C-alpha atoms as a PDB file:
ATOM      1  CA  MET A   1      -7.076  -5.030  32.187  1.00  0.00           C
ATOM      2  CA  VAL A   2      -3.805  -3.235  32.233  1.00  0.00           C
ATOM      3  CA  TRP A   3      -1.351  -2.349  34.791  1.00  0.00           C
ATOM      4  CA  GLY A   4      -1.922   1.217  35.204  1.00  0.00           C
ATOM      5  CA  VAL A   5      -4.681   1.779  32.442  1.00  0.00           C
ATOM      6  CA  GLY A   6      -8.008   1.771  33.795  1.00  0.00           C
ATOM      7  CA  LEU A   7      -9.988  -0.758  30.201  1.00  0.00           C
ATOM      8  CA  ARG A   8     -13.296  -1.521  30.055  1.00  0.00           C
ATOM      9  CA  ARG A   9     -14.002  -4.586  27.963  1.00  0.00           C
ATOM     10  CA  GLY A  10     -17.423  -5.319  25.461  1.00  0.00           C
ATOM     11  CA  VAL A  11     -16.333  -0.634  24.169  1.00  0.00           C
ATOM     12  CA  GLU A  12     -16.341  -0.877  20.936  1.00  0.00           C
ATOM     13  CA  ARG A  13     -13.553   1.569  19.111  1.00  0.00           C
ATOM     14  CA  PHE A  14     -15.390   3.077  15.019  1.00  0.00           C
ATOM     15  CA  CYS A  15     -13.232   4.055  12.381  1.00  0.00           C
ATOM     16  CA  PRO A  16     -13.757   8.328  11.861  1.00  0.00           C
ATOM     17  CA  GLU A  17     -14.413   7.797   8.475  1.00  0.00           C
ATOM     18  CA  CYS A  18     -17.109   4.946   7.782  1.00  0.00           C
ATOM     19  CA  GLY A  19     -17.769   3.701  11.039  1.00  0.00           C
ATOM     20  CA  GLN A  20     -16.831   0.227  10.133  1.00  0.00           C
ATOM     21  CA  VAL A  21     -15.769  -1.416  13.527  1.00  0.00           C
ATOM     22  CA  LEU A  22     -12.367  -1.781  14.659  1.00  0.00           C
ATOM     23  CA  VAL A  23      -9.799  -4.220  15.601  1.00  0.00           C
ATOM     24  CA  ALA A  24      -8.071  -3.609  19.074  1.00  0.00           C
ATOM     25  CA  GLY A  25      -5.653  -0.862  18.508  1.00  0.00           C
ATOM     26  CA  ARG A  26      -6.304   0.163  15.146  1.00  0.00           C
ATOM     27  CA  ALA A  27      -7.271   3.756  14.349  1.00  0.00           C
ATOM     28  CA  ARG A  28      -9.022   3.280  10.368  1.00  0.00           C
ATOM     29  CA  CYS A  29     -10.412  -0.820   9.632  1.00  0.00           C
ATOM     30  CA  GLY A  30      -8.520  -2.026   6.532  1.00  0.00           C
ATOM     31  CA  PRO A  31      -9.611  -0.320   3.521  1.00  0.00           C
ATOM     32  CA  CYS A  32      -9.137   3.178   5.205  1.00  0.00           C
ATOM     33  CA  PHE A  33      -6.334   3.460   5.898  1.00  0.00           C
ATOM     34  CA  ARG A  34      -4.989   1.687   3.273  1.00  0.00           C
ATOM     35  CA  ARG A  35      -5.986   4.626   1.186  1.00  0.00           C
ATOM     36  CA  VAL A  36      -5.352   7.414   3.821  1.00  0.00           C
ATOM     37  CA  GLU A  37      -1.612   5.865   3.313  1.00  0.00           C
ATOM     38  CA  ASN A  38      -1.376   5.420  -0.346  1.00  0.00           C
ATOM     39  CA  GLU A  39      -2.385   9.934   0.026  1.00  0.00           C
ATOM     40  CA  ARG A  40      -0.180  10.692   2.237  1.00  0.00           C
ATOM     41  CA  ARG A  41       3.036   8.814  -0.104  1.00  0.00           C
ATOM     42  CA  MET A  42       1.720   9.895  -3.591  1.00  0.00           C
ATOM     43  CA  CYS A  43       2.244  13.821  -2.237  1.00  0.00           C
ATOM     44  CA  THR A  44       5.749  12.628  -0.819  1.00  0.00           C
ATOM     45  CA  GLU A  45       6.214  11.659  -4.046  1.00  0.00           C
ATOM     46  CA  ARG A  46       4.474  13.960  -5.611  1.00  0.00           C
ATOM     47  CA  ALA A  47       6.819  16.973  -3.827  1.00  0.00           C
ATOM     48  CA  TYR A  48      10.023  14.670  -4.373  1.00  0.00           C
ATOM     49  CA  TYR A  49       9.248  14.214  -8.909  1.00  0.00           C
ATOM     50  CA  ARG A  50       8.628  18.321  -8.052  1.00  0.00           C
ATOM     51  CA  ARG A  51      11.688  18.266  -6.649  1.00  0.00           C
ATOM     52  CA  VAL A  52      13.817  16.878  -8.909  1.00  0.00           C
ATOM     53  CA  CYS A  53      11.695  17.069 -11.919  1.00  0.00           C
ATOM     54  CA  GLY A  54      10.563  20.190 -12.731  1.00  0.00           C
ATOM     55  CA  VAL A  55       6.875  21.918 -12.039  1.00  0.00           C
ATOM     56  CA  GLY A  56       5.683  20.187 -15.315  1.00  0.00           C
ATOM     57  CA  PHE A  57       6.500  16.786 -15.051  1.00  0.00           C
ATOM     58  CA  ARG A  58       3.318  15.355 -13.922  1.00  0.00           C
ATOM     59  CA  PRO A  59       2.614  11.043 -15.412  1.00  0.00           C
ATOM     60  CA  TRP A  60      -0.102   9.225 -15.056  1.00  0.00           C
ATOM     61  CA  TRP A  61       0.673   7.528 -12.210  1.00  0.00           C
ATOM     62  CA  LEU A  62       1.316  10.314  -9.841  1.00  0.00           C
ATOM     63  CA  TYR A  63      -1.486  12.966 -11.607  1.00  0.00           C
ATOM     64  CA  PRO A  64      -4.012  10.190 -11.991  1.00  0.00           C
ATOM     65  CA  GLU A  65      -6.635  13.183 -12.307  1.00  0.00           C
ATOM     66  CA  ASP A  66      -4.868  14.639 -15.269  1.00  0.00           C
ATOM     67  CA  TYR A  67      -5.868  12.106 -17.337  1.00  0.00           C
ATOM     68  CA  GLU A  68      -9.020  11.058 -16.557  1.00  0.00           C
ATOM     69  CA  GLY A  69     -11.338  10.064 -19.720  1.00  0.00           C
ATOM     70  CA  GLN A  70      -7.215   9.094 -21.458  1.00  0.00           C
ATOM     71  CA  GLY A  71      -5.676   5.333 -22.773  1.00  0.00           C
ATOM     72  CA  LYS A  72      -2.370   5.887 -20.793  1.00  0.00           C
END
Protein backbone atom coordinates (compact mmCIF):
# COMPACT_ATOMS: atom_id res chain seq x y z
CA MET A 1 0.00 0.00 0.00
CA VAL A 2 1.26 3.43 -0.93
CA TRP A 3 0.84 6.24 1.55
CA GLY A 4 -2.42 8.09 0.93
CA VAL A 5 -3.55 5.78 -1.85
CA GLY A 6 -5.37 2.54 -1.28
CA LEU A 7 -4.18 0.12 -3.96
CA ARG A 8 -5.41 -3.43 -4.06
CA ARG A 9 -2.89 -6.05 -5.05
CA GLY A 10 -3.85 -8.52 -7.72
CA VAL A 11 -6.06 -6.15 -9.71
CA GLU A 12 -4.97 -6.43 -13.32
CA ARG A 13 -5.35 -3.64 -15.82
CA PHE A 14 -5.77 -4.30 -19.52
CA CYS A 15 -4.79 -2.40 -22.65
CA PRO A 16 -7.89 -0.56 -23.94
CA GLU A 17 -7.04 -1.40 -27.57
CA CYS A 18 -5.93 -5.04 -27.60
CA GLY A 19 -6.82 -6.36 -24.14
CA GLN A 20 -3.31 -7.48 -23.14
CA VAL A 21 -2.45 -7.37 -19.41
CA LEU A 22 -0.49 -4.19 -18.61
CA VAL A 23 2.67 -3.66 -16.60
CA ALA A 24 2.17 -1.44 -13.55
CA GLY A 25 2.25 2.26 -14.41
CA ARG A 26 1.43 1.87 -18.11
CA ALA A 27 -1.66 3.00 -19.98
CA ARG A 28 -1.07 0.81 -23.06
CA CYS A 29 0.92 -2.30 -23.94
CA GLY A 30 4.24 -1.85 -25.76
CA PRO A 31 3.07 -2.50 -29.36
CA CYS A 32 -0.02 -0.29 -29.00
CA PHE A 33 2.02 2.49 -27.38
CA ARG A 34 4.58 2.43 -30.22
CA ARG A 35 1.82 2.46 -32.86
CA VAL A 36 0.01 5.42 -31.25
CA GLU A 37 3.27 7.36 -30.77
CA ASN A 38 4.25 6.78 -34.42
CA GLU A 39 0.83 8.03 -35.56
CA ARG A 40 1.17 11.13 -33.36
CA ARG A 41 4.71 11.80 -34.62
CA MET A 42 3.61 11.37 -38.23
CA CYS A 43 0.73 13.84 -37.78
CA THR A 44 3.13 16.37 -36.24
CA GLU A 45 5.63 15.94 -39.09
CA ARG A 46 2.85 16.22 -41.67
CA ALA A 47 1.69 19.51 -40.16
CA TYR A 48 5.27 20.85 -40.15
CA TYR A 49 5.99 19.91 -43.78
CA ARG A 50 2.58 21.21 -44.90
CA ARG A 51 3.33 24.56 -43.24
CA VAL A 52 6.95 24.85 -44.46
CA CYS A 53 6.93 23.18 -47.89
CA GLY A 54 3.35 23.71 -49.01
CA VAL A 55 0.33 21.49 -49.45
CA GLY A 56 1.60 19.76 -52.62
CA PHE A 57 4.68 18.26 -50.91
CA ARG A 58 3.75 14.63 -50.17
CA PRO A 59 6.90 12.47 -49.65
CA TRP A 60 6.48 8.70 -49.35
CA TRP A 61 7.77 8.53 -45.75
CA LEU A 62 4.96 10.82 -44.52
CA TYR A 63 2.16 9.70 -46.85
CA PRO A 64 2.57 5.95 -47.36
CA GLU A 65 -1.11 5.63 -48.30
CA ASP A 66 -0.42 7.57 -51.54
CA TYR A 67 2.25 5.11 -52.62
CA GLU A 68 0.66 1.75 -51.78
CA GLY A 69 1.30 -0.66 -54.64
CA GLN A 70 4.10 1.46 -56.12
CA GLY A 71 7.83 1.12 -55.69
CA LYS A 72 9.64 3.73 -53.64
